[in-house]
């Protein structure tokens, strides 16, 4: 099992040990087992550091994608391309002496209109973008608290309590404070 996914390893052990097993058919004796699977403290620390680095990288990549998508949306229309050109021209020594033609602006806008294709985005990135947009539609912390509480409850129902606690910690750190079952 992947040490970064300790809950999955714990679930696999629990599934394997869940049912009773006959010691032998003649005596009818059964045995049941239970185990608690953990990582050594050094391994646990290493996994946490790896996951934190991965989260930071994912956040940075998502922000870069969002900025690029926003720029592409702006430049998907000839007027947007012209506005961008005006900004660039105002900063350069050449100034506004030689503006681009309408046809040139249309060509650039047409190229950007369908870039990047949505199917190039990983499934997780597409879902995260939808969730991000959804959360930004709520201005009050009480609304966000309710949504995060529902998300945490769903994670608990999926037997992922570590993820639920992580959502509650993020909510508390960002002032929305989750108050669901098992909240810190």
N, C-alpha and C. Protein backbone atom coordinates (compact mmCIF):
# COMPACT_ATOMS: atom_id res chain seq x y z
N UNK A 1 0.84 -1.18 0.00
CA UNK A 1 0.00 0.00 0.00
C UNK A 1 0.88 1.24 0.00
N UNK A 2 0.35 2.30 -0.54
CA UNK A 2 1.05 3.58 -0.59
C UNK A 2 1.06 4.20 0.81
N UNK A 3 2.23 4.50 1.37
CA UNK A 3 2.27 5.06 2.72
C UNK A 3 1.63 6.45 2.81
N UNK A 4 1.46 7.12 1.67
CA UNK A 4 0.79 8.42 1.71
C UNK A 4 -0.70 8.27 1.92
N UNK A 5 -1.22 7.06 1.73
CA UNK A 5 -2.66 6.81 1.89
C UNK A 5 -2.89 5.80 3.00
N UNK A 6 -2.52 6.18 4.21
CA UNK A 6 -2.68 5.31 5.37
C UNK A 6 -4.13 4.88 5.57
N UNK A 7 -5.13 5.75 5.40
CA UNK A 7 -6.51 5.30 5.56
C UNK A 7 -6.89 4.15 4.63
N UNK A 8 -6.38 4.16 3.40
CA UNK A 8 -6.68 3.06 2.48
C UNK A 8 -6.06 1.76 2.98
N UNK A 9 -4.84 1.84 3.51
CA UNK A 9 -4.20 0.64 4.07
C UNK A 9 -4.96 0.15 5.29
N UNK A 10 -5.42 1.08 6.13
CA UNK A 10 -6.21 0.69 7.30
C UNK A 10 -7.51 0.03 6.87
N UNK A 11 -8.16 0.57 5.85
CA UNK A 11 -9.40 -0.03 5.35
C UNK A 11 -9.15 -1.43 4.79
N UNK A 12 -8.04 -1.60 4.06
CA UNK A 12 -7.72 -2.92 3.49
C UNK A 12 -7.51 -3.94 4.61
N UNK A 13 -6.80 -3.55 5.65
CA UNK A 13 -6.59 -4.46 6.79
C UNK A 13 -7.92 -4.79 7.46
N UNK A 14 -8.74 -3.79 7.66
CA UNK A 14 -10.03 -4.01 8.31
C UNK A 14 -10.91 -4.95 7.48
N UNK A 15 -10.92 -4.76 6.16
CA UNK A 15 -11.70 -5.65 5.29
C UNK A 15 -11.20 -7.08 5.38
N UNK A 16 -9.89 -7.22 5.40
CA UNK A 16 -9.30 -8.55 5.44
C UNK A 16 -9.59 -9.27 6.76
N UNK A 17 -9.61 -8.51 7.85
CA UNK A 17 -9.78 -9.12 9.17
C UNK A 17 -11.22 -9.08 9.67
N UNK A 18 -12.11 -8.46 8.96
CA UNK A 18 -13.48 -8.24 9.42
C UNK A 18 -14.25 -9.52 9.70
N UNK A 19 -14.13 -10.49 8.85
CA UNK A 19 -14.96 -11.70 9.01
C UNK A 19 -14.27 -12.74 9.88
N UNK A 20 -15.11 -13.53 10.49
CA UNK A 20 -14.58 -14.63 11.31
C UNK A 20 -14.05 -15.72 10.41
N UNK A 21 -13.04 -16.43 10.91
CA UNK A 21 -12.47 -17.55 10.14
C UNK A 21 -12.45 -18.79 11.01
N UNK A 22 -12.78 -19.89 10.41
CA UNK A 22 -12.76 -21.17 11.13
C UNK A 22 -11.32 -21.64 11.29
N UNK A 23 -11.00 -22.08 12.52
CA UNK A 23 -9.67 -22.65 12.74
C UNK A 23 -9.61 -24.02 12.09
N UNK A 24 -10.61 -24.80 12.34
CA UNK A 24 -10.76 -26.07 11.63
C UNK A 24 -12.24 -26.41 11.59
N UNK A 25 -12.60 -27.25 10.67
CA UNK A 25 -14.01 -27.55 10.47
C UNK A 25 -14.56 -28.48 11.54
N UNK A 26 -13.70 -29.26 12.16
CA UNK A 26 -14.18 -30.24 13.14
C UNK A 26 -14.58 -29.59 14.47
N UNK A 27 -13.76 -28.67 14.96
CA UNK A 27 -14.04 -28.07 16.27
C UNK A 27 -15.05 -26.93 16.17
N UNK A 28 -15.16 -26.32 15.04
CA UNK A 28 -16.06 -25.20 14.88
C UNK A 28 -15.54 -23.92 15.52
N UNK A 29 -14.27 -23.93 15.96
CA UNK A 29 -13.70 -22.73 16.57
C UNK A 29 -13.43 -21.67 15.51
N UNK A 30 -13.76 -20.45 15.88
CA UNK A 30 -13.54 -19.32 14.98
C UNK A 30 -12.53 -18.38 15.59
N UNK A 31 -11.90 -17.65 14.73
CA UNK A 31 -10.96 -16.63 15.19
C UNK A 31 -11.33 -15.31 14.51
N UNK A 32 -11.25 -14.25 15.27
CA UNK A 32 -11.46 -12.90 14.75
C UNK A 32 -10.23 -12.09 15.10
N UNK A 33 -9.90 -11.17 14.24
CA UNK A 33 -8.69 -10.38 14.48
C UNK A 33 -8.99 -8.91 14.24
N UNK A 34 -8.17 -8.11 14.84
CA UNK A 34 -8.27 -6.67 14.69
C UNK A 34 -6.85 -6.12 14.78
N UNK A 35 -6.57 -5.09 14.02
CA UNK A 35 -5.24 -4.50 14.11
C UNK A 35 -5.34 -3.00 13.98
N UNK A 36 -4.35 -2.35 14.47
CA UNK A 36 -4.26 -0.89 14.34
C UNK A 36 -2.98 -0.62 13.55
N UNK A 37 -3.17 -0.06 12.38
CA UNK A 37 -2.06 0.17 11.47
C UNK A 37 -1.65 1.64 11.55
N UNK A 38 -0.39 1.89 11.84
CA UNK A 38 0.12 3.26 11.90
C UNK A 38 1.50 3.29 11.24
N UNK A 39 2.00 4.48 11.05
CA UNK A 39 3.35 4.65 10.54
C UNK A 39 4.26 5.03 11.70
N UNK A 40 5.52 4.68 11.58
CA UNK A 40 6.50 5.13 12.55
C UNK A 40 6.54 6.66 12.50
N UNK A 41 6.90 7.29 13.60
CA UNK A 41 6.84 8.76 13.67
C UNK A 41 7.68 9.42 12.58
N UNK A 42 8.87 8.89 12.29
CA UNK A 42 9.70 9.46 11.22
C UNK A 42 9.02 9.33 9.87
N UNK A 43 8.43 8.16 9.61
CA UNK A 43 7.73 7.94 8.34
C UNK A 43 6.50 8.83 8.25
N UNK A 44 5.77 8.96 9.35
CA UNK A 44 4.59 9.80 9.37
C UNK A 44 4.97 11.26 9.08
N UNK A 45 6.05 11.72 9.67
CA UNK A 45 6.53 13.07 9.44
C UNK A 45 6.94 13.26 7.98
N UNK A 46 7.61 12.27 7.42
CA UNK A 46 8.04 12.35 6.02
C UNK A 46 6.84 12.39 5.09
N UNK A 47 5.83 11.56 5.38
CA UNK A 47 4.62 11.54 4.55
C UNK A 47 3.91 12.89 4.65
N UNK A 48 3.82 13.44 5.85
CA UNK A 48 3.17 14.75 6.02
C UNK A 48 3.91 15.83 5.23
N UNK A 49 5.24 15.81 5.29
CA UNK A 49 6.04 16.80 4.55
C UNK A 49 5.82 16.64 3.04
N UNK A 50 5.79 15.39 2.58
CA UNK A 50 5.56 15.13 1.16
C UNK A 50 4.18 15.62 0.73
N UNK A 51 3.16 15.32 1.54
CA UNK A 51 1.81 15.76 1.22
C UNK A 51 1.70 17.29 1.23
N UNK A 52 2.35 17.93 2.19
CA UNK A 52 2.33 19.40 2.26
C UNK A 52 2.99 20.01 1.01
N UNK A 53 4.13 19.45 0.62
CA UNK A 53 4.81 19.94 -0.58
C UNK A 53 3.93 19.72 -1.81
N UNK A 54 3.28 18.59 -1.87
CA UNK A 54 2.39 18.28 -2.99
C UNK A 54 1.21 19.24 -3.02
N UNK A 55 0.62 19.53 -1.85
CA UNK A 55 -0.49 20.48 -1.79
C UNK A 55 -0.05 21.86 -2.25
N UNK A 56 1.12 22.32 -1.78
CA UNK A 56 1.61 23.64 -2.17
C UNK A 56 1.82 23.72 -3.68
N UNK A 57 2.41 22.66 -4.23
CA UNK A 57 2.64 22.63 -5.67
C UNK A 57 1.31 22.62 -6.42
N UNK A 58 0.35 21.84 -5.95
CA UNK A 58 -0.96 21.79 -6.60
C UNK A 58 -1.66 23.14 -6.55
N UNK A 59 -1.54 23.83 -5.41
CA UNK A 59 -2.15 25.16 -5.29
C UNK A 59 -1.50 26.12 -6.26
N UNK A 60 -0.17 26.09 -6.33
CA UNK A 60 0.54 26.99 -7.25
C UNK A 60 0.16 26.70 -8.70
N UNK A 61 0.07 25.42 -9.05
CA UNK A 61 -0.32 25.06 -10.41
C UNK A 61 -1.75 25.50 -10.71
N UNK A 62 -2.64 25.34 -9.73
CA UNK A 62 -4.04 25.74 -9.93
C UNK A 62 -4.14 27.25 -10.12
N UNK A 63 -3.39 28.00 -9.32
CA UNK A 63 -3.41 29.46 -9.46
C UNK A 63 -2.87 29.90 -10.82
N UNK A 64 -1.81 29.25 -11.28
CA UNK A 64 -1.25 29.57 -12.59
C UNK A 64 -2.26 29.27 -13.69
N UNK A 65 -2.92 28.10 -13.58
CA UNK A 65 -3.94 27.74 -14.57
C UNK A 65 -5.09 28.75 -14.56
N UNK A 66 -5.50 29.18 -13.37
CA UNK A 66 -6.60 30.15 -13.27
C UNK A 66 -6.21 31.48 -13.90
N UNK A 67 -5.00 31.94 -13.61
CA UNK A 67 -4.54 33.20 -14.22
C UNK A 67 -4.49 33.07 -15.74
N UNK A 68 -3.95 31.95 -16.22
CA UNK A 68 -3.87 31.74 -17.67
C UNK A 68 -5.25 31.66 -18.30
N UNK A 69 -6.17 30.94 -17.64
CA UNK A 69 -7.53 30.84 -18.17
C UNK A 69 -8.22 32.19 -18.21
N UNK A 70 -8.00 32.99 -17.17
CA UNK A 70 -8.60 34.33 -17.14
C UNK A 70 -8.05 35.19 -18.27
N UNK A 71 -6.74 35.12 -18.49
CA UNK A 71 -6.12 35.89 -19.58
C UNK A 71 -6.64 35.42 -20.93
N UNK A 72 -6.76 34.11 -21.10
CA UNK A 72 -7.27 33.56 -22.36
C UNK A 72 -8.70 34.02 -22.59
N UNK A 73 -9.53 34.00 -21.51
CA UNK A 73 -10.92 34.46 -21.66
C UNK A 73 -10.95 35.93 -22.10
N UNK A 74 -10.08 36.75 -21.51
CA UNK A 74 -10.03 38.16 -21.88
C UNK A 74 -9.59 38.34 -23.33
N UNK A 75 -8.64 37.51 -23.76
CA UNK A 75 -8.08 37.67 -25.10
C UNK A 75 -8.83 36.86 -26.16
N UNK A 76 -9.93 36.24 -25.79
CA UNK A 76 -10.71 35.44 -26.74
C UNK A 76 -11.62 36.32 -27.59
N UNK A 77 -11.55 37.60 -27.40
CA UNK A 77 -12.33 38.55 -28.18
C UNK A 77 -11.36 39.60 -28.75
N UNK A 78 -11.55 40.01 -29.99
CA UNK A 78 -10.62 40.99 -30.57
C UNK A 78 -10.46 42.26 -29.72
N UNK A 79 -11.52 42.70 -29.08
CA UNK A 79 -11.41 43.90 -28.24
C UNK A 79 -10.50 43.65 -27.04
N UNK A 80 -10.54 42.46 -26.51
CA UNK A 80 -9.65 42.11 -25.40
C UNK A 80 -8.20 42.09 -25.84
N UNK A 81 -7.95 41.55 -27.03
CA UNK A 81 -6.58 41.52 -27.57
C UNK A 81 -6.09 42.95 -27.79
N UNK A 82 -6.96 43.80 -28.32
CA UNK A 82 -6.58 45.19 -28.57
C UNK A 82 -6.30 45.92 -27.25
N UNK A 83 -7.12 45.68 -26.23
CA UNK A 83 -6.89 46.30 -24.91
C UNK A 83 -5.54 45.85 -24.35
N UNK A 84 -5.24 44.57 -24.50
CA UNK A 84 -3.94 44.05 -24.03
C UNK A 84 -2.81 44.73 -24.80
N UNK A 85 -2.97 44.84 -26.12
CA UNK A 85 -1.94 45.49 -26.94
C UNK A 85 -1.74 46.94 -26.50
N UNK A 86 -2.84 47.65 -26.22
CA UNK A 86 -2.74 49.05 -25.78
C UNK A 86 -1.93 49.16 -24.47
N UNK A 87 -2.18 48.22 -23.57
CA UNK A 87 -1.42 48.23 -22.31
C UNK A 87 0.06 48.02 -22.58
N UNK A 88 0.38 47.08 -23.46
CA UNK A 88 1.78 46.79 -23.77
C UNK A 88 2.42 47.97 -24.50
N UNK A 89 1.70 48.56 -25.42
CA UNK A 89 2.23 49.66 -26.21
C UNK A 89 2.47 50.89 -25.33
N UNK A 90 1.61 51.11 -24.36
CA UNK A 90 1.78 52.27 -23.48
C UNK A 90 3.05 52.14 -22.64
N UNK A 91 3.49 50.92 -22.39
CA UNK A 91 4.69 50.69 -21.58
C UNK A 91 5.97 50.66 -22.40
N UNK A 92 5.85 50.49 -23.70
CA UNK A 92 7.05 50.36 -24.53
C UNK A 92 7.45 51.72 -25.12
N UNK A 93 8.64 51.77 -25.64
CA UNK A 93 9.14 53.01 -26.25
C UNK A 93 8.44 53.29 -27.58
N UNK A 94 7.96 52.22 -28.25
CA UNK A 94 7.32 52.39 -29.55
C UNK A 94 6.00 53.13 -29.43
N UNK A 95 5.35 52.95 -28.31
CA UNK A 95 4.09 53.65 -28.08
C UNK A 95 2.98 53.13 -28.95
N UNK A 96 2.08 54.03 -29.34
CA UNK A 96 0.88 53.64 -30.08
C UNK A 96 1.00 53.91 -31.57
N UNK A 97 2.21 54.02 -32.07
CA UNK A 97 2.43 54.42 -33.47
C UNK A 97 1.91 53.41 -34.48
N UNK A 98 1.98 52.12 -34.21
CA UNK A 98 1.63 51.12 -35.22
C UNK A 98 0.64 50.10 -34.64
N UNK A 99 -0.65 50.44 -34.58
CA UNK A 99 -1.61 49.49 -34.00
C UNK A 99 -1.84 48.29 -34.92
N UNK A 100 -2.17 47.14 -34.35
CA UNK A 100 -2.41 45.95 -35.18
C UNK A 100 -3.72 46.08 -35.95
N UNK A 101 -3.80 45.33 -37.05
CA UNK A 101 -5.01 45.37 -37.87
C UNK A 101 -6.14 44.59 -37.20
N UNK A 102 -7.37 44.88 -37.62
CA UNK A 102 -8.52 44.15 -37.10
C UNK A 102 -8.41 42.66 -37.39
N UNK A 103 -7.93 42.34 -38.59
CA UNK A 103 -7.79 40.93 -38.97
C UNK A 103 -6.79 40.21 -38.06
N UNK A 104 -5.69 40.86 -37.78
CA UNK A 104 -4.68 40.28 -36.88
C UNK A 104 -5.27 40.05 -35.49
N UNK A 105 -6.02 41.01 -34.97
CA UNK A 105 -6.67 40.87 -33.65
C UNK A 105 -7.66 39.70 -33.67
N UNK A 106 -8.44 39.58 -34.77
CA UNK A 106 -9.39 38.48 -34.89
C UNK A 106 -8.68 37.13 -34.93
N UNK A 107 -7.57 37.04 -35.62
CA UNK A 107 -6.81 35.79 -35.70
C UNK A 107 -6.33 35.35 -34.31
N UNK A 108 -5.79 36.29 -33.57
CA UNK A 108 -5.31 35.95 -32.22
C UNK A 108 -6.47 35.52 -31.34
N UNK A 109 -7.57 36.26 -31.38
CA UNK A 109 -8.74 35.91 -30.57
C UNK A 109 -9.27 34.53 -30.94
N UNK A 110 -9.33 34.23 -32.24
CA UNK A 110 -9.81 32.91 -32.68
C UNK A 110 -8.92 31.78 -32.17
N UNK A 111 -7.61 32.02 -32.19
CA UNK A 111 -6.69 30.99 -31.68
C UNK A 111 -6.89 30.74 -30.19
N UNK A 112 -7.15 31.79 -29.46
CA UNK A 112 -7.27 31.66 -28.00
C UNK A 112 -8.65 31.22 -27.54
N UNK A 113 -9.64 31.37 -28.39
CA UNK A 113 -11.02 31.09 -27.99
C UNK A 113 -11.20 29.65 -27.48
N UNK A 114 -10.54 28.70 -28.08
CA UNK A 114 -10.71 27.30 -27.68
C UNK A 114 -9.47 26.72 -27.03
N UNK A 115 -8.67 27.56 -26.41
CA UNK A 115 -7.44 27.08 -25.79
C UNK A 115 -7.51 27.32 -24.29
N UNK A 116 -7.10 26.42 -23.43
CA UNK A 116 -6.79 25.03 -23.73
C UNK A 116 -8.08 24.21 -23.78
N UNK A 117 -8.08 23.15 -24.55
CA UNK A 117 -9.27 22.28 -24.58
C UNK A 117 -9.54 21.74 -23.17
N UNK A 118 -10.82 21.68 -22.80
CA UNK A 118 -11.18 21.24 -21.46
C UNK A 118 -10.75 19.81 -21.17
N UNK A 119 -10.68 18.97 -22.21
CA UNK A 119 -10.32 17.57 -21.96
C UNK A 119 -8.86 17.40 -21.58
N UNK A 120 -8.03 18.46 -21.72
CA UNK A 120 -6.63 18.36 -21.31
C UNK A 120 -6.48 18.50 -19.81
N UNK A 121 -7.45 19.11 -19.15
CA UNK A 121 -7.40 19.29 -17.71
C UNK A 121 -7.68 17.96 -17.01
N UNK A 122 -6.89 17.61 -16.01
CA UNK A 122 -7.20 16.39 -15.25
C UNK A 122 -8.57 16.53 -14.57
N UNK A 123 -9.22 15.42 -14.37
CA UNK A 123 -10.54 15.39 -13.74
C UNK A 123 -10.54 16.15 -12.41
N UNK A 124 -9.52 15.89 -11.58
CA UNK A 124 -9.45 16.54 -10.27
C UNK A 124 -9.36 18.05 -10.40
N UNK A 125 -8.59 18.53 -11.37
CA UNK A 125 -8.45 19.97 -11.57
C UNK A 125 -9.78 20.59 -12.02
N UNK A 126 -10.53 19.89 -12.87
CA UNK A 126 -11.82 20.38 -13.30
C UNK A 126 -12.79 20.48 -12.12
N UNK A 127 -12.79 19.44 -11.27
CA UNK A 127 -13.68 19.44 -10.10
C UNK A 127 -13.28 20.56 -9.13
N UNK A 128 -11.98 20.72 -8.89
CA UNK A 128 -11.52 21.78 -7.99
C UNK A 128 -11.91 23.16 -8.50
N UNK A 129 -11.84 23.37 -9.80
CA UNK A 129 -12.22 24.65 -10.38
C UNK A 129 -13.71 24.92 -10.15
N UNK A 130 -14.55 23.91 -10.35
CA UNK A 130 -15.99 24.07 -10.12
C UNK A 130 -16.25 24.38 -8.64
N UNK A 131 -15.60 23.62 -7.74
CA UNK A 131 -15.78 23.87 -6.31
C UNK A 131 -15.33 25.27 -5.92
N UNK A 132 -14.20 25.69 -6.45
CA UNK A 132 -13.69 27.02 -6.15
C UNK A 132 -14.68 28.09 -6.59
N UNK A 133 -15.16 27.96 -7.82
CA UNK A 133 -16.14 28.93 -8.32
C UNK A 133 -17.42 28.90 -7.48
N UNK A 134 -17.85 27.70 -7.09
CA UNK A 134 -19.07 27.55 -6.30
C UNK A 134 -18.92 28.25 -4.94
N UNK A 135 -17.80 28.01 -4.26
CA UNK A 135 -17.59 28.62 -2.95
C UNK A 135 -17.51 30.14 -3.02
N UNK A 136 -16.98 30.67 -4.11
CA UNK A 136 -16.86 32.13 -4.21
C UNK A 136 -18.21 32.80 -4.44
N UNK A 137 -19.25 32.02 -4.76
CA UNK A 137 -20.58 32.62 -4.95
C UNK A 137 -21.24 32.93 -3.61
N UNK A 138 -20.68 32.43 -2.52
CA UNK A 138 -21.24 32.68 -1.20
C UNK A 138 -20.39 33.70 -0.47
N UNK A 139 -21.01 34.80 -0.07
CA UNK A 139 -20.24 35.87 0.54
C UNK A 139 -20.19 35.76 2.06
N UNK A 140 -21.18 35.14 2.67
CA UNK A 140 -21.23 35.09 4.14
C UNK A 140 -20.53 33.84 4.65
N UNK A 141 -19.79 34.00 5.75
CA UNK A 141 -19.06 32.88 6.34
C UNK A 141 -19.99 31.78 6.82
N UNK A 142 -21.20 32.13 7.24
CA UNK A 142 -22.15 31.10 7.71
C UNK A 142 -22.50 30.14 6.57
N UNK A 143 -22.65 30.68 5.37
CA UNK A 143 -22.95 29.84 4.21
C UNK A 143 -21.79 28.91 3.90
N UNK A 144 -20.59 29.48 3.92
CA UNK A 144 -19.41 28.67 3.64
C UNK A 144 -19.23 27.61 4.73
N UNK A 145 -19.50 27.98 5.98
CA UNK A 145 -19.39 27.04 7.09
C UNK A 145 -20.31 25.84 6.86
N UNK A 146 -21.54 26.11 6.43
CA UNK A 146 -22.49 25.04 6.17
C UNK A 146 -21.98 24.12 5.06
N UNK A 147 -21.48 24.69 3.98
CA UNK A 147 -20.98 23.89 2.86
C UNK A 147 -19.77 23.04 3.27
N UNK A 148 -18.86 23.65 4.02
CA UNK A 148 -17.68 22.90 4.47
C UNK A 148 -18.05 21.82 5.47
N UNK A 149 -19.05 22.09 6.29
CA UNK A 149 -19.53 21.07 7.23
C UNK A 149 -20.13 19.89 6.48
N UNK A 150 -20.90 20.18 5.42
CA UNK A 150 -21.46 19.10 4.60
C UNK A 150 -20.35 18.30 3.92
N UNK A 151 -19.33 18.98 3.44
CA UNK A 151 -18.21 18.30 2.81
C UNK A 151 -17.49 17.41 3.82
N UNK A 152 -17.25 17.93 5.01
CA UNK A 152 -16.58 17.14 6.06
C UNK A 152 -17.42 15.93 6.44
N UNK A 153 -18.75 16.12 6.56
CA UNK A 153 -19.63 14.99 6.89
C UNK A 153 -19.60 13.93 5.80
N UNK A 154 -19.54 14.37 4.54
CA UNK A 154 -19.44 13.43 3.43
C UNK A 154 -18.14 12.65 3.48
N UNK A 155 -17.07 13.31 3.86
CA UNK A 155 -15.77 12.63 3.97
C UNK A 155 -15.80 11.61 5.10
N UNK A 156 -16.46 11.96 6.19
CA UNK A 156 -16.59 10.98 7.29
C UNK A 156 -17.42 9.78 6.85
N UNK A 157 -18.50 10.04 6.12
CA UNK A 157 -19.35 8.95 5.63
C UNK A 157 -18.58 8.04 4.69
N UNK A 158 -17.59 8.61 3.99
CA UNK A 158 -16.74 7.82 3.09
C UNK A 158 -15.56 7.21 3.84
N UNK A 159 -15.61 7.27 5.16
CA UNK A 159 -14.56 6.72 6.04
C UNK A 159 -13.20 7.37 5.77
N UNK A 160 -13.23 8.66 5.64
CA UNK A 160 -12.02 9.45 5.44
C UNK A 160 -11.96 10.56 6.50
N UNK A 161 -11.91 10.18 7.78
CA UNK A 161 -11.97 11.20 8.83
C UNK A 161 -10.79 12.17 8.80
N UNK A 162 -9.64 11.72 8.33
CA UNK A 162 -8.48 12.62 8.28
C UNK A 162 -8.74 13.79 7.32
N UNK A 163 -9.39 13.48 6.20
CA UNK A 163 -9.71 14.53 5.24
C UNK A 163 -10.76 15.48 5.82
N UNK A 164 -11.73 14.93 6.55
CA UNK A 164 -12.75 15.77 7.18
C UNK A 164 -12.13 16.73 8.18
N UNK A 165 -11.21 16.23 8.98
CA UNK A 165 -10.54 17.08 9.96
C UNK A 165 -9.71 18.15 9.23
N UNK A 166 -9.06 17.78 8.13
CA UNK A 166 -8.27 18.75 7.37
C UNK A 166 -9.16 19.88 6.84
N UNK A 167 -10.36 19.55 6.35
CA UNK A 167 -11.30 20.57 5.87
C UNK A 167 -11.71 21.48 7.02
N UNK A 168 -11.97 20.90 8.20
CA UNK A 168 -12.37 21.70 9.35
C UNK A 168 -11.24 22.61 9.82
N UNK A 169 -10.01 22.14 9.75
CA UNK A 169 -8.87 22.97 10.13
C UNK A 169 -8.72 24.13 9.15
N UNK A 170 -8.84 23.85 7.85
CA UNK A 170 -8.76 24.91 6.85
C UNK A 170 -9.87 25.93 7.08
N UNK A 171 -11.08 25.45 7.35
CA UNK A 171 -12.21 26.36 7.60
C UNK A 171 -11.94 27.23 8.82
N UNK A 172 -11.40 26.65 9.88
CA UNK A 172 -11.12 27.41 11.10
C UNK A 172 -10.02 28.44 10.85
N UNK A 173 -9.01 28.07 10.09
CA UNK A 173 -7.90 28.99 9.81
C UNK A 173 -8.32 30.16 8.92
N UNK A 174 -9.35 29.95 8.12
CA UNK A 174 -9.80 30.99 7.20
C UNK A 174 -11.03 31.73 7.69
N UNK A 175 -11.37 31.55 8.96
CA UNK A 175 -12.44 32.32 9.56
C UNK A 175 -13.84 31.85 9.30
N UNK A 176 -14.00 30.68 8.64
CA UNK A 176 -15.35 30.20 8.42
C UNK A 176 -15.74 29.20 9.49
N UNK A 177 -14.76 28.59 10.16
CA UNK A 177 -15.01 27.70 11.28
C UNK A 177 -16.09 26.68 11.06
N UNK A 178 -15.75 25.43 10.84
CA UNK A 178 -16.72 24.36 10.68
C UNK A 178 -17.15 23.86 12.04
N UNK A 179 -18.44 23.61 12.20
CA UNK A 179 -18.95 23.15 13.48
C UNK A 179 -19.63 21.80 13.36
N UNK A 180 -19.16 20.95 12.48
CA UNK A 180 -19.77 19.64 12.29
C UNK A 180 -19.31 18.68 13.37
N UNK A 181 -19.85 17.44 13.34
CA UNK A 181 -19.45 16.44 14.33
C UNK A 181 -17.96 16.19 14.26
N UNK A 182 -17.33 16.11 15.39
CA UNK A 182 -15.91 15.82 15.45
C UNK A 182 -15.05 17.03 15.16
N UNK A 183 -15.64 18.22 15.14
CA UNK A 183 -14.85 19.42 14.89
C UNK A 183 -13.89 19.66 16.02
N UNK A 184 -12.68 20.20 15.71
CA UNK A 184 -11.71 20.48 16.75
C UNK A 184 -12.16 21.63 17.64
